[in-house]
Amino acid sequence: MKAVTITQPGGPEVLKWADVPDPVPHDGEVLIDVAASAVNRADILQRQGFYDPPPGTSPYPGLECSGRIAALGPGVSGWAVGDEVCALLTGGGYAEKVTAPAGQLLPIPKGVGLVTAAALPEAVCTVWSNLFGFGGGDFTSSNVFMIAHLRPGETLLVHGGSSGVGTMAIQLAKAVGAKVAVTAGTEEKLRRCAELGADILVNYREQDFVEEVRKATDGSGADVILDNMGAKYLDRNVQALAVNGRLAIIGMQGGIKGELNIAALLGKRAAISATSLRARPLSEKAAIVAAVREHVWPLIDAGHVRPVVDRKLPMSDAAGAHRVVEESGHVGKVLLVVE
């Protein structure tokens, strides 16, 4: 098969579409003929040499894909060869074939094309697991793991509202009855966020998000903040939090080390969490995927939530797709399609 390989750490030019050995499904895994994958910031970090895949996993980038099941590994039930699926991956999605644990598969939702479905797994699982929780059964039960636990009527601030994660967070938060504030760098991006349901629009190049969110919430601030920036926004995020607020950090685009005002955090009885999906144990990822299938897939089937795709490029042009994402001119996901 062919896959996008990383010849050495560096810029987009180090991505090469090359012949590599076919993967073989192990116990509990399926082999997928890939239709498409999507570009995530983690892929860019891996290409640059800053985010190695976990030991024993695929060396190729790609944390999600869509396609058709080509073979079942030992012990797999509930799926059949030929089933159309999308999958949360530890890596390897930039390829013609990839293996995935059966617990990380999702059926293609109604009204979503096979290629477009590649935009769903990483964004939906990231948003749902950070804002709402994951695990089986009722969300009041002890076997559900809560992080930010966004509630109806609360205010959510999403940094990077026009990103793949951001566009999904807006829609899911609105679907559960929350008020949504977003930051973005252009008026066009803010307009697109408003179309998805965002209530409070902040151009971070021209406005102070702390001031704008406080103004829009009668001084109380955001109950939950979903942050992709990390260090750069740490202090101001705490300032923007409401009493009993929750800050969920999911990215480091603004650096890895920041100063935390613990007195301010204590004064607000606030909480900070930081998570990633890639290195979670298989059991946790399976629980997240199961929760997504139970709670989010019906919203997509009904047309209340949809994947937002900026453009589709040939997988052989992964370098071009990375340039698009690094220039930050896109809205939603950039997809890589197997021709």
C-alpha atoms as a PDB file:
ATOM      1  CA  MET A   1       0.000   0.000   0.000  1.00  0.00           C
ATOM      2  CA  LYS A   2       0.952   3.669  -0.035  1.00  0.00           C
ATOM      3  CA  ALA A   3       1.143   5.919   3.006  1.00  0.00           C
ATOM      4  CA  VAL A   4       2.328   9.402   3.878  1.00  0.00           C
ATOM      5  CA  THR A   5       5.726   8.980   5.484  1.00  0.00           C
ATOM      6  CA  ILE A   6       7.799  11.522   7.411  1.00  0.00           C
ATOM      7  CA  THR A   7      11.307  11.377   5.958  1.00  0.00           C
ATOM      8  CA  GLN A   8      12.752  13.548   8.729  1.00  0.00           C
ATOM      9  CA  PRO A   9      11.456  16.202  11.129  1.00  0.00           C
ATOM     10  CA  GLY A  10      10.740  19.435   9.295  1.00  0.00           C
ATOM     11  CA  GLY A  11       8.325  21.397   7.157  1.00  0.00           C
ATOM     12  CA  PRO A  12       5.507  20.071   4.961  1.00  0.00           C
ATOM     13  CA  GLU A  13       8.023  19.072   2.280  1.00  0.00           C
ATOM     14  CA  VAL A  14       9.194  16.098   4.423  1.00  0.00           C
ATOM     15  CA  LEU A  15       5.834  14.353   3.855  1.00  0.00           C
ATOM     16  CA  LYS A  16       6.175  11.744   1.090  1.00  0.00           C
ATOM     17  CA  TRP A  17       3.555   9.450  -0.471  1.00  0.00           C
ATOM     18  CA  ALA A  18       5.501   6.179  -0.526  1.00  0.00           C
ATOM     19  CA  ASP A  19       5.148   2.421  -0.728  1.00  0.00           C
ATOM     20  CA  VAL A  20       5.057   0.743   2.705  1.00  0.00           C
ATOM     21  CA  PRO A  21       4.043  -2.705   4.013  1.00  0.00           C
ATOM     22  CA  ASP A  22       0.350  -3.415   4.483  1.00  0.00           C
ATOM     23  CA  PRO A  23      -0.806  -3.436   8.124  1.00  0.00           C
ATOM     24  CA  VAL A  24      -2.225  -6.637   9.620  1.00  0.00           C
ATOM     25  CA  PRO A  25      -5.116  -6.575  12.117  1.00  0.00           C
ATOM     26  CA  HIS A  26      -4.324  -8.101  15.511  1.00  0.00           C
ATOM     27  CA  ASP A  27      -6.698  -9.348  18.206  1.00  0.00           C
ATOM     28  CA  GLY A  28      -9.680  -7.033  18.512  1.00  0.00           C
ATOM     29  CA  GLU A  29      -8.740  -4.969  15.456  1.00  0.00           C
ATOM     30  CA  VAL A  30     -10.129  -4.477  11.962  1.00  0.00           C
ATOM     31  CA  LEU A  31      -8.377  -3.566   8.728  1.00  0.00           C
ATOM     32  CA  ILE A  32      -9.882  -0.538   6.958  1.00  0.00           C
ATOM     33  CA  ASP A  33      -9.577   0.435   3.305  1.00  0.00           C
ATOM     34  CA  VAL A  34      -9.238   4.169   3.878  1.00  0.00           C
ATOM     35  CA  ALA A  35     -11.447   6.595   1.971  1.00  0.00           C
ATOM     36  CA  ALA A  36     -10.195   9.733   3.725  1.00  0.00           C
ATOM     37  CA  SER A  37      -8.369  11.094   6.733  1.00  0.00           C
ATOM     38  CA  ALA A  38      -8.212  14.597   8.244  1.00  0.00           C
ATOM     39  CA  VAL A  39      -5.416  16.950   9.232  1.00  0.00           C
ATOM     40  CA  ASN A  40      -5.081  17.670  12.954  1.00  0.00           C
ATOM     41  CA  ARG A  41      -2.603  19.915  14.764  1.00  0.00           C
ATOM     42  CA  ALA A  42      -1.131  16.780  16.341  1.00  0.00           C
ATOM     43  CA  ASP A  43      -0.130  15.595  12.847  1.00  0.00           C
ATOM     44  CA  ILE A  44       1.793  18.821  12.322  1.00  0.00           C
ATOM     45  CA  LEU A  45       3.569  18.415  15.662  1.00  0.00           C
ATOM     46  CA  GLN A  46       4.468  14.829  14.739  1.00  0.00           C
ATOM     47  CA  ARG A  47       5.848  15.984  11.392  1.00  0.00           C
ATOM     48  CA  GLN A  48       7.962  18.591  13.167  1.00  0.00           C
ATOM     49  CA  GLY A  49       9.409  15.975  15.527  1.00  0.00           C
ATOM     50  CA  PHE A  50       7.583  17.171  18.661  1.00  0.00           C
ATOM     51  CA  TYR A  51       4.911  14.481  19.088  1.00  0.00           C
ATOM     52  CA  ASP A  52       6.060  10.910  18.566  1.00  0.00           C
ATOM     53  CA  PRO A  53       3.402   8.204  18.275  1.00  0.00           C
ATOM     54  CA  PRO A  54       3.052   5.885  21.275  1.00  0.00           C
ATOM     55  CA  PRO A  55       5.376   2.829  21.185  1.00  0.00           C
ATOM     56  CA  GLY A  56       4.146  -0.013  19.011  1.00  0.00           C
ATOM     57  CA  THR A  57       1.723   2.089  16.981  1.00  0.00           C
ATOM     58  CA  SER A  58       1.781   3.224  13.352  1.00  0.00           C
ATOM     59  CA  PRO A  59       4.601   5.653  12.526  1.00  0.00           C
ATOM     60  CA  TYR A  60       2.450   7.443   9.938  1.00  0.00           C
ATOM     61  CA  PRO A  61       0.354  10.508  10.838  1.00  0.00           C
ATOM     62  CA  GLY A  62      -3.431  10.526  10.867  1.00  0.00           C
ATOM     63  CA  LEU A  63      -5.583  10.313  13.998  1.00  0.00           C
ATOM     64  CA  GLU A  64      -8.888   9.565  12.274  1.00  0.00           C
ATOM     65  CA  CYS A  65     -10.231   8.105   9.060  1.00  0.00           C
ATOM     66  CA  SER A  66     -13.265   6.882   7.206  1.00  0.00           C
ATOM     67  CA  GLY A  67     -13.493   3.859   4.929  1.00  0.00           C
ATOM     68  CA  ARG A  68     -14.699   0.280   4.544  1.00  0.00           C
ATOM     69  CA  ILE A  69     -13.764  -2.708   6.656  1.00  0.00           C
ATOM     70  CA  ALA A  70     -11.513  -4.990   4.596  1.00  0.00           C
ATOM     71  CA  ALA A  71     -10.794  -7.713   7.192  1.00  0.00           C
ATOM     72  CA  LEU A  72     -11.592  -8.637  10.776  1.00  0.00           C
ATOM     73  CA  GLY A  73      -8.914  -9.598  13.261  1.00  0.00           C
ATOM     74  CA  PRO A  74      -9.414 -12.393  15.806  1.00  0.00           C
ATOM     75  CA  GLY A  75     -12.084 -11.753  18.407  1.00  0.00           C
ATOM     76  CA  VAL A  76     -13.962  -9.015  16.573  1.00  0.00           C
ATOM     77  CA  SER A  77     -17.754  -9.183  16.607  1.00  0.00           C
ATOM     78  CA  GLY A  78     -20.513  -6.746  15.723  1.00  0.00           C
ATOM     79  CA  TRP A  79     -18.816  -5.632  12.494  1.00  0.00           C
ATOM     80  CA  ALA A  80     -18.561  -7.210   9.043  1.00  0.00           C
ATOM     81  CA  VAL A  81     -16.314  -6.932   6.011  1.00  0.00           C
ATOM     82  CA  GLY A  82     -17.713  -4.181   3.781  1.00  0.00           C
ATOM     83  CA  ASP A  83     -19.163  -2.087   6.616  1.00  0.00           C
ATOM     84  CA  GLU A  84     -18.661   1.640   6.098  1.00  0.00           C
ATOM     85  CA  VAL A  85     -17.114   3.195   9.200  1.00  0.00           C
ATOM     86  CA  CYS A  86     -15.154   6.090  10.604  1.00  0.00           C
ATOM     87  CA  ALA A  87     -12.551   5.498  13.269  1.00  0.00           C
ATOM     88  CA  LEU A  88     -10.553   7.168  16.008  1.00  0.00           C
ATOM     89  CA  LEU A  89      -6.898   6.194  15.513  1.00  0.00           C
ATOM     90  CA  THR A  90      -3.605   6.358  17.365  1.00  0.00           C
ATOM     91  CA  GLY A  91      -1.951   7.043  14.007  1.00  0.00           C
ATOM     92  CA  GLY A  92      -1.700   5.705  10.474  1.00  0.00           C
ATOM     93  CA  GLY A  93      -4.725   7.401   8.926  1.00  0.00           C
ATOM     94  CA  TYR A  94      -2.677   8.990   6.122  1.00  0.00           C
ATOM     95  CA  ALA A  95      -2.583   5.715   4.191  1.00  0.00           C
ATOM     96  CA  GLU A  96      -4.529   3.481   1.858  1.00  0.00           C
ATOM     97  CA  LYS A  97      -5.079   0.978   4.689  1.00  0.00           C
ATOM     98  CA  VAL A  98      -5.023   1.187   8.467  1.00  0.00           C
ATOM     99  CA  THR A  99      -5.856  -1.031  11.415  1.00  0.00           C
ATOM    100  CA  ALA A 100      -8.101   0.166  14.236  1.00  0.00           C
ATOM    101  CA  PRO A 101      -9.408  -1.345  17.480  1.00  0.00           C
ATOM    102  CA  ALA A 102     -13.026  -2.408  17.037  1.00  0.00           C
ATOM    103  CA  GLY A 103     -13.949  -0.305  20.071  1.00  0.00           C
ATOM    104  CA  GLN A 104     -12.906   2.840  18.224  1.00  0.00           C
ATOM    105  CA  LEU A 105     -15.176   2.335  15.206  1.00  0.00           C
ATOM    106  CA  LEU A 106     -18.327   4.298  14.484  1.00  0.00           C
ATOM    107  CA  PRO A 107     -20.904   3.729  11.746  1.00  0.00           C
ATOM    108  CA  ILE A 108     -21.291   6.475   9.140  1.00  0.00           C
ATOM    109  CA  PRO A 109     -24.112   8.765  10.342  1.00  0.00           C
ATOM    110  CA  LYS A 110     -27.193   9.359   8.234  1.00  0.00           C
ATOM    111  CA  GLY A 111     -26.801  12.132   5.700  1.00  0.00           C
ATOM    112  CA  VAL A 112     -22.993  12.193   5.938  1.00  0.00           C
ATOM    113  CA  GLY A 113     -20.919  10.964   2.995  1.00  0.00           C
ATOM    114  CA  LEU A 114     -18.204   8.387   3.480  1.00  0.00           C
ATOM    115  CA  VAL A 115     -15.377  10.843   2.768  1.00  0.00           C
ATOM    116  CA  THR A 116     -16.891  13.639   4.852  1.00  0.00           C
ATOM    117  CA  ALA A 117     -17.235  11.302   7.845  1.00  0.00           C
ATOM    118  CA  ALA A 118     -13.436  11.409   8.227  1.00  0.00           C
ATOM    119  CA  ALA A 119     -13.951  14.867   9.763  1.00  0.00           C
ATOM    120  CA  LEU A 120     -15.868  13.486  12.734  1.00  0.00           C
ATOM    121  CA  PRO A 121     -14.018  11.088  15.087  1.00  0.00           C
ATOM    122  CA  GLU A 122     -11.217  13.210  16.542  1.00  0.00           C
ATOM    123  CA  ALA A 123     -13.218  16.423  16.863  1.00  0.00           C
ATOM    124  CA  VAL A 124     -16.348  14.821  18.287  1.00  0.00           C
ATOM    125  CA  CYS A 125     -14.470  12.599  20.739  1.00  0.00           C
ATOM    126  CA  THR A 126     -12.307  15.521  21.890  1.00  0.00           C
ATOM    127  CA  VAL A 127     -15.257  17.827  22.454  1.00  0.00           C
ATOM    128  CA  TRP A 128     -17.567  15.295  24.060  1.00  0.00           C
ATOM    129  CA  SER A 129     -14.980  13.821  26.427  1.00  0.00           C
ATOM    130  CA  ASN A 130     -13.830  17.267  27.601  1.00  0.00           C
ATOM    131  CA  LEU A 131     -17.114  19.139  27.824  1.00  0.00           C
ATOM    132  CA  PHE A 132     -19.567  16.444  28.817  1.00  0.00           C
ATOM    133  CA  GLY A 133     -17.905  13.218  29.943  1.00  0.00           C
ATOM    134  CA  PHE A 134     -17.606   9.621  28.847  1.00  0.00           C
ATOM    135  CA  GLY A 135     -18.640   6.219  30.088  1.00  0.00           C
ATOM    136  CA  GLY A 136     -21.766   4.108  30.128  1.00  0.00           C
ATOM    137  CA  GLY A 137     -25.282   4.896  31.202  1.00  0.00           C
ATOM    138  CA  ASP A 138     -26.826   7.960  32.788  1.00  0.00           C
ATOM    139  CA  PHE A 139     -24.577  11.010  33.163  1.00  0.00           C
ATOM    140  CA  THR A 140     -25.334  11.050  36.904  1.00  0.00           C
ATOM    141  CA  SER A 141     -24.023   7.532  37.406  1.00  0.00           C
ATOM    142  CA  SER A 142     -20.677   6.659  38.950  1.00  0.00           C
ATOM    143  CA  ASN A 143     -19.331   5.001  35.806  1.00  0.00           C
ATOM    144  CA  VAL A 144     -19.275   8.277  33.894  1.00  0.00           C
ATOM    145  CA  PHE A 145     -16.101  10.390  33.995  1.00  0.00           C
ATOM    146  CA  MET A 146     -16.777  14.125  34.065  1.00  0.00           C
ATOM    147  CA  ILE A 147     -14.308  16.820  33.060  1.00  0.00           C
ATOM    148  CA  ALA A 148     -15.909  20.217  32.404  1.00  0.00           C
ATOM    149  CA  HIS A 149     -19.514  18.940  32.620  1.00  0.00           C
ATOM    150  CA  LEU A 150     -21.107  21.744  30.611  1.00  0.00           C
ATOM    151  CA  ARG A 151     -24.735  22.205  31.688  1.00  0.00           C
ATOM    152  CA  PRO A 152     -27.756  23.763  29.948  1.00  0.00           C
ATOM    153  CA  GLY A 153     -27.860  27.515  30.507  1.00  0.00           C
ATOM    154  CA  GLU A 154     -24.127  27.834  31.159  1.00  0.00           C
ATOM    155  CA  THR A 155     -21.719  29.860  29.023  1.00  0.00           C
ATOM    156  CA  LEU A 156     -18.960  28.116  27.085  1.00  0.00           C
ATOM    157  CA  LEU A 157     -15.985  30.017  25.658  1.00  0.00           C
ATOM    158  CA  VAL A 158     -14.316  28.237  22.729  1.00  0.00           C
ATOM    159  CA  HIS A 159     -10.910  29.465  21.596  1.00  0.00           C
ATOM    160  CA  GLY A 160     -10.342  28.826  17.900  1.00  0.00           C
ATOM    161  CA  GLY A 161     -14.062  28.636  17.224  1.00  0.00           C
ATOM    162  CA  SER A 162     -13.560  28.161  13.473  1.00  0.00           C
ATOM    163  CA  SER A 163     -11.315  25.097  13.833  1.00  0.00           C
ATOM    164  CA  GLY A 164     -12.488  21.530  13.405  1.00  0.00           C
ATOM    165  CA  VAL A 165     -12.831  21.108  17.167  1.00  0.00           C
ATOM    166  CA  GLY A 166     -14.271  24.600  17.555  1.00  0.00           C
ATOM    167  CA  THR A 167     -17.008  24.194  14.953  1.00  0.00           C
ATOM    168  CA  MET A 168     -18.046  20.924  16.594  1.00  0.00           C
ATOM    169  CA  ALA A 169     -17.947  22.408  20.114  1.00  0.00           C
ATOM    170  CA  ILE A 170     -20.260  25.258  19.084  1.00  0.00           C
ATOM    171  CA  GLN A 171     -22.853  22.864  17.697  1.00  0.00           C
ATOM    172  CA  LEU A 172     -22.773  20.375  20.569  1.00  0.00           C
ATOM    173  CA  ALA A 173     -22.909  23.090  23.210  1.00  0.00           C
ATOM    174  CA  LYS A 174     -25.926  24.683  21.515  1.00  0.00           C
ATOM    175  CA  ALA A 175     -27.562  21.272  21.218  1.00  0.00           C
ATOM    176  CA  VAL A 176     -27.468  20.855  25.016  1.00  0.00           C
ATOM    177  CA  GLY A 177     -28.745  24.378  25.661  1.00  0.00           C
ATOM    178  CA  ALA A 178     -25.562  26.301  26.475  1.00  0.00           C
ATOM    179  CA  LYS A 179     -24.633  29.846  25.454  1.00  0.00           C
ATOM    180  CA  VAL A 180     -21.480  29.951  23.308  1.00  0.00           C
ATOM    181  CA  ALA A 181     -18.730  32.541  23.026  1.00  0.00           C
ATOM    182  CA  VAL A 182     -15.928  32.107  20.490  1.00  0.00           C
ATOM    183  CA  THR A 183     -12.631  33.701  19.585  1.00  0.00           C
ATOM    184  CA  ALA A 184     -11.356  33.844  16.015  1.00  0.00           C
ATOM    185  CA  GLY A 185      -8.969  36.024  14.035  1.00  0.00           C
ATOM    186  CA  THR A 186     -11.141  37.339  11.179  1.00  0.00           C
ATOM    187  CA  GLU A 187     -14.651  38.675  10.741  1.00  0.00           C
ATOM    188  CA  GLU A 188     -15.353  35.980   8.150  1.00  0.00           C
ATOM    189  CA  LYS A 189     -14.441  33.232  10.614  1.00  0.00           C
ATOM    190  CA  LEU A 190     -16.650  34.848  13.255  1.00  0.00           C
ATOM    191  CA  ARG A 191     -19.501  35.017  10.746  1.00  0.00           C
ATOM    192  CA  ARG A 192     -19.165  31.291  10.084  1.00  0.00           C
ATOM    193  CA  CYS A 193     -19.164  30.620  13.836  1.00  0.00           C
ATOM    194  CA  ALA A 194     -22.352  32.675  14.184  1.00  0.00           C
ATOM    195  CA  GLU A 195     -23.987  30.578  11.457  1.00  0.00           C
ATOM    196  CA  LEU A 196     -23.281  27.495  13.584  1.00  0.00           C
ATOM    197  CA  GLY A 197     -24.936  29.109  16.609  1.00  0.00           C
ATOM    198  CA  ALA A 198     -22.240  31.096  18.434  1.00  0.00           C
ATOM    199  CA  ASP A 199     -23.786  33.894  20.508  1.00  0.00           C
ATOM    200  CA  ILE A 200     -20.744  35.971  21.510  1.00  0.00           C
ATOM    201  CA  LEU A 201     -18.147  36.751  18.841  1.00  0.00           C
ATOM    202  CA  VAL A 202     -14.665  37.986  19.783  1.00  0.00           C
ATOM    203  CA  ASN A 203     -12.000  38.974  17.268  1.00  0.00           C
ATOM    204  CA  TYR A 204      -8.898  38.207  19.315  1.00  0.00           C
ATOM    205  CA  ARG A 205      -6.767  40.463  17.092  1.00  0.00           C
ATOM    206  CA  GLU A 206      -8.866  43.514  17.997  1.00  0.00           C
ATOM    207  CA  GLN A 207     -10.690  42.697  21.243  1.00  0.00           C
ATOM    208  CA  ASP A 208      -9.875  41.412  24.740  1.00  0.00           C
ATOM    209  CA  PHE A 209     -11.796  38.173  25.207  1.00  0.00           C
ATOM    210  CA  VAL A 210     -11.821  38.596  29.014  1.00  0.00           C
ATOM    211  CA  GLU A 211     -13.542  41.955  28.731  1.00  0.00           C
ATOM    212  CA  GLU A 212     -15.948  40.839  25.997  1.00  0.00           C
ATOM    213  CA  VAL A 213     -17.048  37.669  27.782  1.00  0.00           C
ATOM    214  CA  ARG A 214     -17.570  39.486  31.065  1.00  0.00           C
ATOM    215  CA  LYS A 215     -19.566  42.180  29.284  1.00  0.00           C
ATOM    216  CA  ALA A 216     -21.795  39.607  27.602  1.00  0.00           C
ATOM    217  CA  THR A 217     -22.406  37.679  30.841  1.00  0.00           C
ATOM    218  CA  ASP A 218     -23.184  40.644  33.131  1.00  0.00           C
ATOM    219  CA  GLY A 219     -19.748  40.372  34.672  1.00  0.00           C
ATOM    220  CA  SER A 220     -19.888  36.718  35.689  1.00  0.00           C
ATOM    221  CA  GLY A 221     -17.606  35.214  33.003  1.00  0.00           C
ATOM    222  CA  ALA A 222     -17.533  31.840  31.253  1.00  0.00           C
ATOM    223  CA  ASP A 223     -18.592  28.730  33.140  1.00  0.00           C
ATOM    224  CA  VAL A 224     -16.461  26.548  30.866  1.00  0.00           C
ATOM    225  CA  ILE A 225     -13.533  27.387  28.587  1.00  0.00           C
ATOM    226  CA  LEU A 226     -12.279  25.002  25.900  1.00  0.00           C
ATOM    227  CA  ASP A 227      -8.717  26.138  25.213  1.00  0.00           C
ATOM    228  CA  ASN A 228      -6.374  25.142  22.394  1.00  0.00           C
ATOM    229  CA  MET A 229      -3.709  27.742  23.220  1.00  0.00           C
ATOM    230  CA  GLY A 230      -2.212  26.620  26.512  1.00  0.00           C
ATOM    231  CA  ALA A 231       0.409  28.844  28.130  1.00  0.00           C
ATOM    232  CA  LYS A 232      -0.311  32.083  26.244  1.00  0.00           C
ATOM    233  CA  TYR A 233      -3.909  32.246  27.464  1.00  0.00           C
ATOM    234  CA  LEU A 234      -3.540  30.626  30.898  1.00  0.00           C
ATOM    235  CA  ASP A 235      -3.691  33.773  33.042  1.00  0.00           C
ATOM    236  CA  ARG A 236      -6.432  35.462  30.996  1.00  0.00           C
ATOM    237  CA  ASN A 237      -8.473  32.254  30.885  1.00  0.00           C
ATOM    238  CA  VAL A 238      -8.527  32.208  34.697  1.00  0.00           C
ATOM    239  CA  GLN A 239      -9.588  35.865  34.651  1.00  0.00           C
ATOM    240  CA  ALA A 240     -12.393  35.014  32.218  1.00  0.00           C
ATOM    241  CA  LEU A 241     -13.765  32.134  34.300  1.00  0.00           C
ATOM    242  CA  ALA A 242     -16.927  32.474  36.355  1.00  0.00           C
ATOM    243  CA  VAL A 243     -17.126  31.313  39.961  1.00  0.00           C
ATOM    244  CA  ASN A 244     -17.014  27.492  39.917  1.00  0.00           C
ATOM    245  CA  GLY A 245     -15.710  27.716  36.347  1.00  0.00           C
ATOM    246  CA  ARG A 246     -13.839  24.931  34.550  1.00  0.00           C
ATOM    247  CA  LEU A 247     -10.940  25.395  32.150  1.00  0.00           C
ATOM    248  CA  ALA A 248     -10.305  22.456  29.793  1.00  0.00           C
ATOM    249  CA  ILE A 249      -6.941  22.683  28.011  1.00  0.00           C
ATOM    250  CA  ILE A 250      -6.652  20.580  24.857  1.00  0.00           C
ATOM    251  CA  GLY A 251      -3.760  22.226  22.987  1.00  0.00           C
ATOM    252  CA  MET A 252      -0.450  24.032  23.233  1.00  0.00           C
ATOM    253  CA  GLN A 253      -0.495  26.361  20.224  1.00  0.00           C
ATOM    254  CA  GLY A 254       0.456  29.235  22.526  1.00  0.00           C
ATOM    255  CA  GLY A 255       3.276  27.470  24.351  1.00  0.00           C
ATOM    256  CA  ILE A 256       3.796  24.912  27.104  1.00  0.00           C
ATOM    257  CA  LYS A 257       4.795  26.971  30.160  1.00  0.00           C
ATOM    258  CA  GLY A 258       2.664  29.685  31.711  1.00  0.00           C
ATOM    259  CA  GLU A 259       2.256  31.441  35.064  1.00  0.00           C
ATOM    260  CA  LEU A 260      -0.821  30.515  37.105  1.00  0.00           C
ATOM    261  CA  ASN A 261      -2.365  32.869  39.658  1.00  0.00           C
ATOM    262  CA  ILE A 262      -3.454  30.296  42.234  1.00  0.00           C
ATOM    263  CA  ALA A 263      -5.087  32.945  44.418  1.00  0.00           C
ATOM    264  CA  ALA A 264      -7.374  33.890  41.521  1.00  0.00           C
ATOM    265  CA  LEU A 265      -8.154  30.228  40.895  1.00  0.00           C
ATOM    266  CA  LEU A 266      -8.944  29.630  44.583  1.00  0.00           C
ATOM    267  CA  GLY A 267     -11.036  32.777  44.738  1.00  0.00           C
ATOM    268  CA  LYS A 268     -13.248  31.434  41.973  1.00  0.00           C
ATOM    269  CA  ARG A 269     -13.265  27.842  43.261  1.00  0.00           C
ATOM    270  CA  ALA A 270     -12.315  26.979  39.683  1.00  0.00           C
ATOM    271  CA  ALA A 271     -10.753  23.881  38.149  1.00  0.00           C
ATOM    272  CA  ILE A 272      -8.255  23.267  35.363  1.00  0.00           C
ATOM    273  CA  SER A 273      -7.939  20.042  33.385  1.00  0.00           C
ATOM    274  CA  ALA A 274      -5.633  19.084  30.527  1.00  0.00           C
ATOM    275  CA  THR A 275      -6.269  16.076  28.319  1.00  0.00           C
ATOM    276  CA  SER A 276      -5.308  14.369  25.079  1.00  0.00           C
ATOM    277  CA  LEU A 277      -6.864  11.431  23.270  1.00  0.00           C
ATOM    278  CA  ARG A 278      -3.944   9.735  21.571  1.00  0.00           C
ATOM    279  CA  ALA A 279      -2.217   8.183  24.579  1.00  0.00           C
ATOM    280  CA  ARG A 280      -5.343   7.156  26.498  1.00  0.00           C
ATOM    281  CA  PRO A 281      -5.740   3.438  27.239  1.00  0.00           C
ATOM    282  CA  LEU A 282      -7.848   1.498  24.749  1.00  0.00           C
ATOM    283  CA  SER A 283     -10.579   1.019  27.347  1.00  0.00           C
ATOM    284  CA  GLU A 284     -10.960   4.766  27.855  1.00  0.00           C
ATOM    285  CA  LYS A 285     -11.030   5.496  24.142  1.00  0.00           C
ATOM    286  CA  ALA A 286     -13.634   2.782  23.653  1.00  0.00           C
ATOM    287  CA  ALA A 287     -15.749   4.348  26.418  1.00  0.00           C
ATOM    288  CA  ILE A 288     -15.484   7.761  24.772  1.00  0.00           C
ATOM    289  CA  VAL A 289     -16.443   6.359  21.362  1.00  0.00           C
ATOM    290  CA  ALA A 290     -19.399   4.499  22.898  1.00  0.00           C
ATOM    291  CA  ALA A 291     -20.610   7.696  24.591  1.00  0.00           C
ATOM    292  CA  VAL A 292     -20.271   9.598  21.311  1.00  0.00           C
ATOM    293  CA  ARG A 293     -22.282   6.961  19.476  1.00  0.00           C
ATOM    294  CA  GLU A 294     -24.990   7.093  22.146  1.00  0.00           C
ATOM    295  CA  HIS A 295     -25.244  10.859  22.600  1.00  0.00           C
ATOM    296  CA  VAL A 296     -23.876  12.581  19.485  1.00  0.00           C
ATOM    297  CA  TRP A 297     -24.701  10.256  16.588  1.00  0.00           C
ATOM    298  CA  PRO A 298     -28.491  10.791  17.045  1.00  0.00           C
ATOM    299  CA  LEU A 299     -27.890  14.557  16.789  1.00  0.00           C
ATOM    300  CA  ILE A 300     -25.994  14.081  13.527  1.00  0.00           C
ATOM    301  CA  ASP A 301     -28.592  11.621  12.196  1.00  0.00           C
ATOM    302  CA  ALA A 302     -31.279  14.230  12.889  1.00  0.00           C
ATOM    303  CA  GLY A 303     -29.313  17.001  11.180  1.00  0.00           C
ATOM    304  CA  HIS A 304     -28.822  19.099  14.339  1.00  0.00           C
ATOM    305  CA  VAL A 305     -25.025  18.687  14.206  1.00  0.00           C
ATOM    306  CA  ARG A 306     -22.855  18.339  11.113  1.00  0.00           C
ATOM    307  CA  PRO A 307     -19.180  18.080  10.231  1.00  0.00           C
ATOM    308  CA  VAL A 308     -17.719  21.284   8.792  1.00  0.00           C
ATOM    309  CA  VAL A 309     -15.251  20.636   5.960  1.00  0.00           C
ATOM    310  CA  ASP A 310     -13.163  23.450   4.494  1.00  0.00           C
ATOM    311  CA  ARG A 311     -11.692  21.490   1.585  1.00  0.00           C
ATOM    312  CA  LYS A 312     -10.686  18.045   0.334  1.00  0.00           C
ATOM    313  CA  LEU A 313      -7.225  17.399  -1.097  1.00  0.00           C
ATOM    314  CA  PRO A 314      -5.599  14.230  -2.490  1.00  0.00           C
ATOM    315  CA  MET A 315      -3.795  12.293   0.217  1.00  0.00           C
ATOM    316  CA  SER A 316      -0.705  12.362  -1.974  1.00  0.00           C
ATOM    317  CA  ASP A 317      -0.742  16.149  -1.382  1.00  0.00           C
ATOM    318  CA  ALA A 318      -0.538  15.919   2.401  1.00  0.00           C
ATOM    319  CA  ALA A 319       2.153  18.601   2.285  1.00  0.00           C
ATOM    320  CA  GLY A 320      -0.292  21.037   0.699  1.00  0.00           C
ATOM    321  CA  ALA A 321      -2.938  20.187   3.274  1.00  0.00           C
ATOM    322  CA  HIS A 322      -0.494  20.853   6.107  1.00  0.00           C
ATOM    323  CA  ARG A 323       0.350  24.230   4.618  1.00  0.00           C
ATOM    324  CA  VAL A 324      -3.338  25.143   4.545  1.00  0.00           C
ATOM    325  CA  VAL A 325      -3.778  24.261   8.224  1.00  0.00           C
ATOM    326  CA  GLU A 326      -0.576  25.997   9.302  1.00  0.00           C
ATOM    327  CA  GLU A 327      -1.665  29.201   7.525  1.00  0.00           C
ATOM    328  CA  SER A 328      -4.916  29.070   9.565  1.00  0.00           C
ATOM    329  CA  GLY A 329      -7.100  30.364   6.763  1.00  0.00           C
ATOM    330  CA  HIS A 330      -9.491  27.407   6.875  1.00  0.00           C
ATOM    331  CA  VAL A 331     -12.803  26.885   8.668  1.00  0.00           C
ATOM    332  CA  GLY A 332     -13.503  23.384   9.932  1.00  0.00           C
ATOM    333  CA  LYS A 333     -11.577  20.359   8.748  1.00  0.00           C
ATOM    334  CA  VAL A 334      -9.144  19.842   5.885  1.00  0.00           C
ATOM    335  CA  LEU A 335      -9.554  16.306   4.515  1.00  0.00           C
ATOM    336  CA  LEU A 336      -7.096  14.031   2.700  1.00  0.00           C
ATOM    337  CA  VAL A 337      -8.818  11.759   0.204  1.00  0.00           C
ATOM    338  CA  VAL A 338      -7.449   8.479  -1.144  1.00  0.00           C
ATOM    339  CA  GLU A 339      -7.778   8.639  -4.915  1.00  0.00           C
END
